[in-house]
Amino acid sequence: MDKTSKVIFALIAAGLWFNAAANLLRPAYAQQNVDASAIALADIKVSAESIASSLITLVRGTGNCTNQQLCSR
């Protein structure tokens, strides 16, 4: 894999992780009975699992890859 592809993958990965971290910046939940931090943590976990699943699909090459030159490596 050339240097440009590595940089692109690194930027994509960083963007995905920043997207998952954005859950921390959401407004607090209004319900008094619900532990807001537990809900926010659960949201982050779901986002991280989704990112991990997408990356595994990309690495295995089983997803809908439109750039075969990039995905075949």
PDB file of N, CA and C in Angstrom:
ATOM      1  N   MET A   1       0.854  -1.169   0.000  1.00  0.00           N
ATOM      2  CA  MET A   1       0.000   0.000   0.000  1.00  0.00           C
ATOM      3  C   MET A   1       0.903   1.236   0.000  1.00  0.00           C
ATOM      4  N   ASP A   2       0.600   2.173  -0.850  1.00  0.00           N
ATOM      5  CA  ASP A   2       1.447   3.362  -0.948  1.00  0.00           C
ATOM      6  C   ASP A   2       1.139   4.348   0.177  1.00  0.00           C
ATOM      7  N   LYS A   3       1.969   5.358   0.273  1.00  0.00           N
ATOM      8  CA  LYS A   3       1.883   6.324   1.370  1.00  0.00           C
ATOM      9  C   LYS A   3       0.571   7.107   1.345  1.00  0.00           C
ATOM     10  N   THR A   4       0.091   7.443   0.154  1.00  0.00           N
ATOM     11  CA  THR A   4      -1.149   8.210   0.033  1.00  0.00           C
ATOM     12  C   THR A   4      -2.333   7.422   0.580  1.00  0.00           C
ATOM     13  N   SER A   5      -2.396   6.138   0.254  1.00  0.00           N
ATOM     14  CA  SER A   5      -3.488   5.300   0.750  1.00  0.00           C
ATOM     15  C   SER A   5      -3.439   5.191   2.266  1.00  0.00           C
ATOM     16  N   LYS A   6      -2.250   5.066   2.819  1.00  0.00           N
ATOM     17  CA  LYS A   6      -2.117   4.978   4.267  1.00  0.00           C
ATOM     18  C   LYS A   6      -2.601   6.250   4.941  1.00  0.00           C
ATOM     19  N   VAL A   7      -2.266   7.390   4.358  1.00  0.00           N
ATOM     20  CA  VAL A   7      -2.707   8.671   4.921  1.00  0.00           C
ATOM     21  C   VAL A   7      -4.227   8.783   4.836  1.00  0.00           C
ATOM     22  N   ILE A   8      -4.794   8.375   3.719  1.00  0.00           N
ATOM     23  CA  ILE A   8      -6.247   8.440   3.559  1.00  0.00           C
ATOM     24  C   ILE A   8      -6.935   7.541   4.580  1.00  0.00           C
ATOM     25  N   PHE A   9      -6.448   6.309   4.731  1.00  0.00           N
ATOM     26  CA  PHE A   9      -7.036   5.398   5.718  1.00  0.00           C
ATOM     27  C   PHE A   9      -6.910   5.956   7.126  1.00  0.00           C
ATOM     28  N   ALA A  10      -5.777   6.550   7.447  1.00  0.00           N
ATOM     29  CA  ALA A  10      -5.585   7.125   8.778  1.00  0.00           C
ATOM     30  C   ALA A  10      -6.565   8.276   9.016  1.00  0.00           C
ATOM     31  N   LEU A  11      -6.766   9.114   8.020  1.00  0.00           N
ATOM     32  CA  LEU A  11      -7.709  10.221   8.161  1.00  0.00           C
ATOM     33  C   LEU A  11      -9.146   9.729   8.303  1.00  0.00           C
ATOM     34  N   ILE A  12      -9.494   8.696   7.542  1.00  0.00           N
ATOM     35  CA  ILE A  12     -10.837   8.129   7.659  1.00  0.00           C
ATOM     36  C   ILE A  12     -11.045   7.549   9.050  1.00  0.00           C
ATOM     37  N   ALA A  13     -10.062   6.793   9.530  1.00  0.00           N
ATOM     38  CA  ALA A  13     -10.173   6.195  10.864  1.00  0.00           C
ATOM     39  C   ALA A  13     -10.296   7.279  11.937  1.00  0.00           C
ATOM     40  N   ALA A  14      -9.494   8.329  11.826  1.00  0.00           N
ATOM     41  CA  ALA A  14      -9.567   9.419  12.799  1.00  0.00           C
ATOM     42  C   ALA A  14     -10.942  10.084  12.753  1.00  0.00           C
ATOM     43  N   GLY A  15     -11.452  10.300  11.565  1.00  0.00           N
ATOM     44  CA  GLY A  15     -12.781  10.902  11.435  1.00  0.00           C
ATOM     45  C   GLY A  15     -13.872  10.060  12.049  1.00  0.00           C
ATOM     46  N   LEU A  16     -13.773   8.743  11.862  1.00  0.00           N
ATOM     47  CA  LEU A  16     -14.763   7.847  12.450  1.00  0.00           C
ATOM     48  C   LEU A  16     -14.703   7.869  13.974  1.00  0.00           C
ATOM     49  N   TRP A  17     -13.488   7.903  14.517  1.00  0.00           N
ATOM     50  CA  TRP A  17     -13.363   7.947  15.978  1.00  0.00           C
ATOM     51  C   TRP A  17     -13.834   9.284  16.533  1.00  0.00           C
ATOM     52  N   PHE A  18     -13.584  10.380  15.819  1.00  0.00           N
ATOM     53  CA  PHE A  18     -14.092  11.680  16.266  1.00  0.00           C
ATOM     54  C   PHE A  18     -15.616  11.697  16.214  1.00  0.00           C
ATOM     55  N   ASN A  19     -16.180  11.024  15.224  1.00  0.00           N
ATOM     56  CA  ASN A  19     -17.631  10.924  15.133  1.00  0.00           C
ATOM     57  C   ASN A  19     -18.193  10.186  16.344  1.00  0.00           C
ATOM     58  N   ALA A  20     -17.527   9.116  16.742  1.00  0.00           N
ATOM     59  CA  ALA A  20     -17.972   8.375  17.927  1.00  0.00           C
ATOM     60  C   ALA A  20     -17.817   9.229  19.185  1.00  0.00           C
ATOM     61  N   ALA A  21     -16.751   9.999  19.260  1.00  0.00           N
ATOM     62  CA  ALA A  21     -16.517  10.843  20.430  1.00  0.00           C
ATOM     63  C   ALA A  21     -17.500  12.007  20.499  1.00  0.00           C
ATOM     64  N   ALA A  22     -18.130  12.330  19.387  1.00  0.00           N
ATOM     65  CA  ALA A  22     -19.090  13.440  19.376  1.00  0.00           C
ATOM     66  C   ALA A  22     -20.275  13.171  20.290  1.00  0.00           C
ATOM     67  N   ASN A  23     -20.498  11.902  20.616  1.00  0.00           N
ATOM     68  CA  ASN A  23     -21.591  11.581  21.545  1.00  0.00           C
ATOM     69  C   ASN A  23     -21.373  12.220  22.908  1.00  0.00           C
ATOM     70  N   LEU A  24     -20.122  12.480  23.243  1.00  0.00           N
ATOM     71  CA  LEU A  24     -19.830  13.121  24.525  1.00  0.00           C
ATOM     72  C   LEU A  24     -20.301  14.576  24.548  1.00  0.00           C
ATOM     73  N   LEU A  25     -20.442  15.177  23.381  1.00  0.00           N
ATOM     74  CA  LEU A  25     -20.811  16.585  23.300  1.00  0.00           C
ATOM     75  C   LEU A  25     -22.318  16.798  23.163  1.00  0.00           C
ATOM     76  N   ARG A  26     -23.076  15.711  23.173  1.00  0.00           N
ATOM     77  CA  ARG A  26     -24.534  15.849  23.079  1.00  0.00           C
ATOM     78  C   ARG A  26     -25.082  16.499  24.341  1.00  0.00           C
ATOM     79  N   PRO A  27     -26.226  17.165  24.244  1.00  0.00           N
ATOM     80  CA  PRO A  27     -26.835  17.760  25.432  1.00  0.00           C
ATOM     81  C   PRO A  27     -27.230  16.684  26.443  1.00  0.00           C
ATOM     82  N   ALA A  28     -27.283  17.052  27.696  1.00  0.00           N
ATOM     83  CA  ALA A  28     -27.662  16.119  28.750  1.00  0.00           C
ATOM     84  C   ALA A  28     -29.118  15.689  28.567  1.00  0.00           C
ATOM     85  N   TYR A  29     -29.398  14.482  28.959  1.00  0.00           N
ATOM     86  CA  TYR A  29     -30.763  13.974  28.866  1.00  0.00           C
ATOM     87  C   TYR A  29     -31.624  14.624  29.947  1.00  0.00           C
ATOM     88  N   ALA A  30     -32.891  14.871  29.645  1.00  0.00           N
ATOM     89  CA  ALA A  30     -33.763  15.614  30.550  1.00  0.00           C
ATOM     90  C   ALA A  30     -34.395  14.739  31.631  1.00  0.00           C
ATOM     91  N   GLN A  31     -34.451  13.422  31.428  1.00  0.00           N
ATOM     92  CA  GLN A  31     -35.104  12.565  32.410  1.00  0.00           C
ATOM     93  C   GLN A  31     -34.298  12.539  33.709  1.00  0.00           C
ATOM     94  N   GLN A  32     -35.005  12.601  34.817  1.00  0.00           N
ATOM     95  CA  GLN A  32     -34.363  12.567  36.121  1.00  0.00           C
ATOM     96  C   GLN A  32     -34.033  11.135  36.551  1.00  0.00           C
ATOM     97  N   ASN A  33     -34.818  10.163  36.101  1.00  0.00           N
ATOM     98  CA  ASN A  33     -34.685   8.798  36.580  1.00  0.00           C
ATOM     99  C   ASN A  33     -33.585   8.021  35.846  1.00  0.00           C
ATOM    100  N   VAL A  34     -33.118   8.522  34.755  1.00  0.00           N
ATOM    101  CA  VAL A  34     -32.179   7.789  33.914  1.00  0.00           C
ATOM    102  C   VAL A  34     -30.768   8.335  34.129  1.00  0.00           C
ATOM    103  N   ASP A  35     -29.836   7.436  34.259  1.00  0.00           N
ATOM    104  CA  ASP A  35     -28.440   7.827  34.400  1.00  0.00           C
ATOM    105  C   ASP A  35     -27.923   8.276  33.030  1.00  0.00           C
ATOM    106  N   ALA A  36     -27.793   9.577  32.836  1.00  0.00           N
ATOM    107  CA  ALA A  36     -27.419  10.128  31.533  1.00  0.00           C
ATOM    108  C   ALA A  36     -26.038   9.663  31.095  1.00  0.00           C
ATOM    109  N   SER A  37     -25.116   9.525  32.015  1.00  0.00           N
ATOM    110  CA  SER A  37     -23.774   9.096  31.625  1.00  0.00           C
ATOM    111  C   SER A  37     -23.778   7.657  31.124  1.00  0.00           C
ATOM    112  N   ALA A  38     -24.632   6.807  31.703  1.00  0.00           N
ATOM    113  CA  ALA A  38     -24.734   5.423  31.235  1.00  0.00           C
ATOM    114  C   ALA A  38     -25.313   5.369  29.829  1.00  0.00           C
ATOM    115  N   ILE A  39     -26.280   6.221  29.549  1.00  0.00           N
ATOM    116  CA  ILE A  39     -26.879   6.261  28.214  1.00  0.00           C
ATOM    117  C   ILE A  39     -25.858   6.774  27.207  1.00  0.00           C
ATOM    118  N   ALA A  40     -25.142   7.831  27.549  1.00  0.00           N
ATOM    119  CA  ALA A  40     -24.131   8.379  26.645  1.00  0.00           C
ATOM    120  C   ALA A  40     -23.038   7.346  26.387  1.00  0.00           C
ATOM    121  N   LEU A  41     -22.636   6.622  27.420  1.00  0.00           N
ATOM    122  CA  LEU A  41     -21.619   5.592  27.269  1.00  0.00           C
ATOM    123  C   LEU A  41     -22.116   4.467  26.371  1.00  0.00           C
ATOM    124  N   ALA A  42     -23.378   4.101  26.509  1.00  0.00           N
ATOM    125  CA  ALA A  42     -23.961   3.075  25.641  1.00  0.00           C
ATOM    126  C   ALA A  42     -23.988   3.547  24.186  1.00  0.00           C
ATOM    127  N   ASP A  43     -24.303   4.823  23.960  1.00  0.00           N
ATOM    128  CA  ASP A  43     -24.292   5.379  22.602  1.00  0.00           C
ATOM    129  C   ASP A  43     -22.892   5.322  21.999  1.00  0.00           C
ATOM    130  N   ILE A  44     -21.888   5.651  22.797  1.00  0.00           N
ATOM    131  CA  ILE A  44     -20.507   5.613  22.322  1.00  0.00           C
ATOM    132  C   ILE A  44     -20.111   4.175  21.990  1.00  0.00           C
ATOM    133  N   LYS A  45     -20.521   3.241  22.827  1.00  0.00           N
ATOM    134  CA  LYS A  45     -20.199   1.829  22.594  1.00  0.00           C
ATOM    135  C   LYS A  45     -20.808   1.355  21.283  1.00  0.00           C
ATOM    136  N   VAL A  46     -22.058   1.721  21.021  1.00  0.00           N
ATOM    137  CA  VAL A  46     -22.716   1.334  19.774  1.00  0.00           C
ATOM    138  C   VAL A  46     -21.983   1.932  18.578  1.00  0.00           C
ATOM    139  N   SER A  47     -21.586   3.193  18.683  1.00  0.00           N
ATOM    140  CA  SER A  47     -20.853   3.833  17.586  1.00  0.00           C
ATOM    141  C   SER A  47     -19.504   3.161  17.356  1.00  0.00           C
ATOM    142  N   ALA A  48     -18.790   2.847  18.431  1.00  0.00           N
ATOM    143  CA  ALA A  48     -17.489   2.189  18.298  1.00  0.00           C
ATOM    144  C   ALA A  48     -17.635   0.802  17.694  1.00  0.00           C
ATOM    145  N   GLU A  49     -18.669   0.059  18.086  1.00  0.00           N
ATOM    146  CA  GLU A  49     -18.902  -1.265  17.518  1.00  0.00           C
ATOM    147  C   GLU A  49     -19.232  -1.166  16.033  1.00  0.00           C
ATOM    148  N   SER A  50     -19.977  -0.142  15.657  1.00  0.00           N
ATOM    149  CA  SER A  50     -20.305   0.059  14.246  1.00  0.00           C
ATOM    150  C   SER A  50     -19.047   0.368  13.437  1.00  0.00           C
ATOM    151  N   ILE A  51     -18.178   1.202  13.982  1.00  0.00           N
ATOM    152  CA  ILE A  51     -16.919   1.530  13.309  1.00  0.00           C
ATOM    153  C   ILE A  51     -16.062   0.278  13.169  1.00  0.00           C
ATOM    154  N   ALA A  52     -15.966  -0.502  14.240  1.00  0.00           N
ATOM    155  CA  ALA A  52     -15.164  -1.726  14.192  1.00  0.00           C
ATOM    156  C   ALA A  52     -15.714  -2.693  13.151  1.00  0.00           C
ATOM    157  N   SER A  53     -17.007  -2.828  13.098  1.00  0.00           N
ATOM    158  CA  SER A  53     -17.633  -3.722  12.122  1.00  0.00           C
ATOM    159  C   SER A  53     -17.353  -3.249  10.696  1.00  0.00           C
ATOM    160  N   SER A  54     -17.440  -1.951  10.468  1.00  0.00           N
ATOM    161  CA  SER A  54     -17.176  -1.409   9.135  1.00  0.00           C
ATOM    162  C   SER A  54     -15.722  -1.613   8.726  1.00  0.00           C
ATOM    163  N   LEU A  55     -14.804  -1.427   9.665  1.00  0.00           N
ATOM    164  CA  LEU A  55     -13.394  -1.624   9.357  1.00  0.00           C
ATOM    165  C   LEU A  55     -13.081  -3.090   9.077  1.00  0.00           C
ATOM    166  N   ILE A  56     -13.703  -4.002   9.829  1.00  0.00           N
ATOM    167  CA  ILE A  56     -13.508  -5.432   9.581  1.00  0.00           C
ATOM    168  C   ILE A  56     -14.016  -5.801   8.192  1.00  0.00           C
ATOM    169  N   THR A  57     -15.172  -5.277   7.831  1.00  0.00           N
ATOM    170  CA  THR A  57     -15.725  -5.531   6.497  1.00  0.00           C
ATOM    171  C   THR A  57     -14.792  -5.012   5.417  1.00  0.00           C
ATOM    172  N   LEU A  58     -14.219  -3.835   5.630  1.00  0.00           N
ATOM    173  CA  LEU A  58     -13.296  -3.256   4.655  1.00  0.00           C
ATOM    174  C   LEU A  58     -12.035  -4.099   4.531  1.00  0.00           C
ATOM    175  N   VAL A  59     -11.488  -4.538   5.659  1.00  0.00           N
ATOM    176  CA  VAL A  59     -10.252  -5.321   5.636  1.00  0.00           C
ATOM    177  C   VAL A  59     -10.478  -6.681   4.982  1.00  0.00           C
ATOM    178  N   ARG A  60     -11.595  -7.325   5.287  1.00  0.00           N
ATOM    179  CA  ARG A  60     -11.889  -8.636   4.693  1.00  0.00           C
ATOM    180  C   ARG A  60     -12.257  -8.537   3.224  1.00  0.00           C
ATOM    181  N   GLY A  61     -12.690  -7.368   2.803  1.00  0.00           N
ATOM    182  CA  GLY A  61     -13.085  -7.186   1.407  1.00  0.00           C
ATOM    183  C   GLY A  61     -14.447  -7.765   1.092  1.00  0.00           C
ATOM    184  N   THR A  62     -15.276  -7.968   2.112  1.00  0.00           N
ATOM    185  CA  THR A  62     -16.590  -8.564   1.888  1.00  0.00           C
ATOM    186  C   THR A  62     -17.690  -7.521   1.704  1.00  0.00           C
ATOM    187  N   GLY A  63     -17.363  -6.271   1.873  1.00  0.00           N
ATOM    188  CA  GLY A  63     -18.373  -5.217   1.765  1.00  0.00           C
ATOM    189  C   GLY A  63     -18.578  -4.771   0.326  1.00  0.00           C
ATOM    190  N   ASN A  64     -19.322  -3.727   0.163  1.00  0.00           N
ATOM    191  CA  ASN A  64     -19.605  -3.171  -1.147  1.00  0.00           C
ATOM    192  C   ASN A  64     -18.505  -2.171  -1.504  1.00  0.00           C
ATOM    193  N   CYS A  65     -17.406  -2.687  -1.975  1.00  0.00           N
ATOM    194  CA  CYS A  65     -16.255  -1.847  -2.301  1.00  0.00           C
ATOM    195  C   CYS A  65     -16.326  -1.439  -3.772  1.00  0.00           C
ATOM    196  N   THR A  66     -16.310  -0.155  -4.027  1.00  0.00           N
ATOM    197  CA  THR A  66     -16.394   0.323  -5.403  1.00  0.00           C
ATOM    198  C   THR A  66     -15.021   0.563  -6.020  1.00  0.00           C
ATOM    199  N   ASN A  67     -13.967   0.512  -5.217  1.00  0.00           N
ATOM    200  CA  ASN A  67     -12.609   0.705  -5.724  1.00  0.00           C
ATOM    201  C   ASN A  67     -11.835  -0.606  -5.506  1.00  0.00           C
ATOM    202  N   GLN A  68     -11.899  -1.487  -6.490  1.00  0.00           N
ATOM    203  CA  GLN A  68     -11.295  -2.811  -6.342  1.00  0.00           C
ATOM    204  C   GLN A  68      -9.776  -2.750  -6.181  1.00  0.00           C
ATOM    205  N   GLN A  69      -9.136  -1.774  -6.764  1.00  0.00           N
ATOM    206  CA  GLN A  69      -7.693  -1.657  -6.622  1.00  0.00           C
ATOM    207  C   GLN A  69      -7.323  -1.382  -5.154  1.00  0.00           C
ATOM    208  N   LEU A  70      -8.104  -0.571  -4.493  1.00  0.00           N
ATOM    209  CA  LEU A  70      -7.865  -0.239  -3.100  1.00  0.00           C
ATOM    210  C   LEU A  70      -8.274  -1.387  -2.173  1.00  0.00           C
ATOM    211  N   CYS A  71      -9.384  -2.033  -2.449  1.00  0.00           N
ATOM    212  CA  CYS A  71      -9.924  -3.055  -1.553  1.00  0.00           C
ATOM    213  C   CYS A  71      -9.273  -4.413  -1.739  1.00  0.00           C
ATOM    214  N   SER A  72      -8.572  -4.642  -2.820  1.00  0.00           N
ATOM    215  CA  SER A  72      -7.973  -5.963  -3.056  1.00  0.00           C
ATOM    216  C   SER A  72      -6.676  -6.142  -2.305  1.00  0.00           C
ATOM    217  N   ARG A  73      -6.178  -5.097  -1.663  1.00  0.00           N
ATOM    218  CA  ARG A  73      -4.890  -5.196  -0.957  1.00  0.00           C
ATOM    219  C   ARG A  73      -5.068  -5.500   0.479  1.00  0.00           C
TER     220      ARG A  73
END
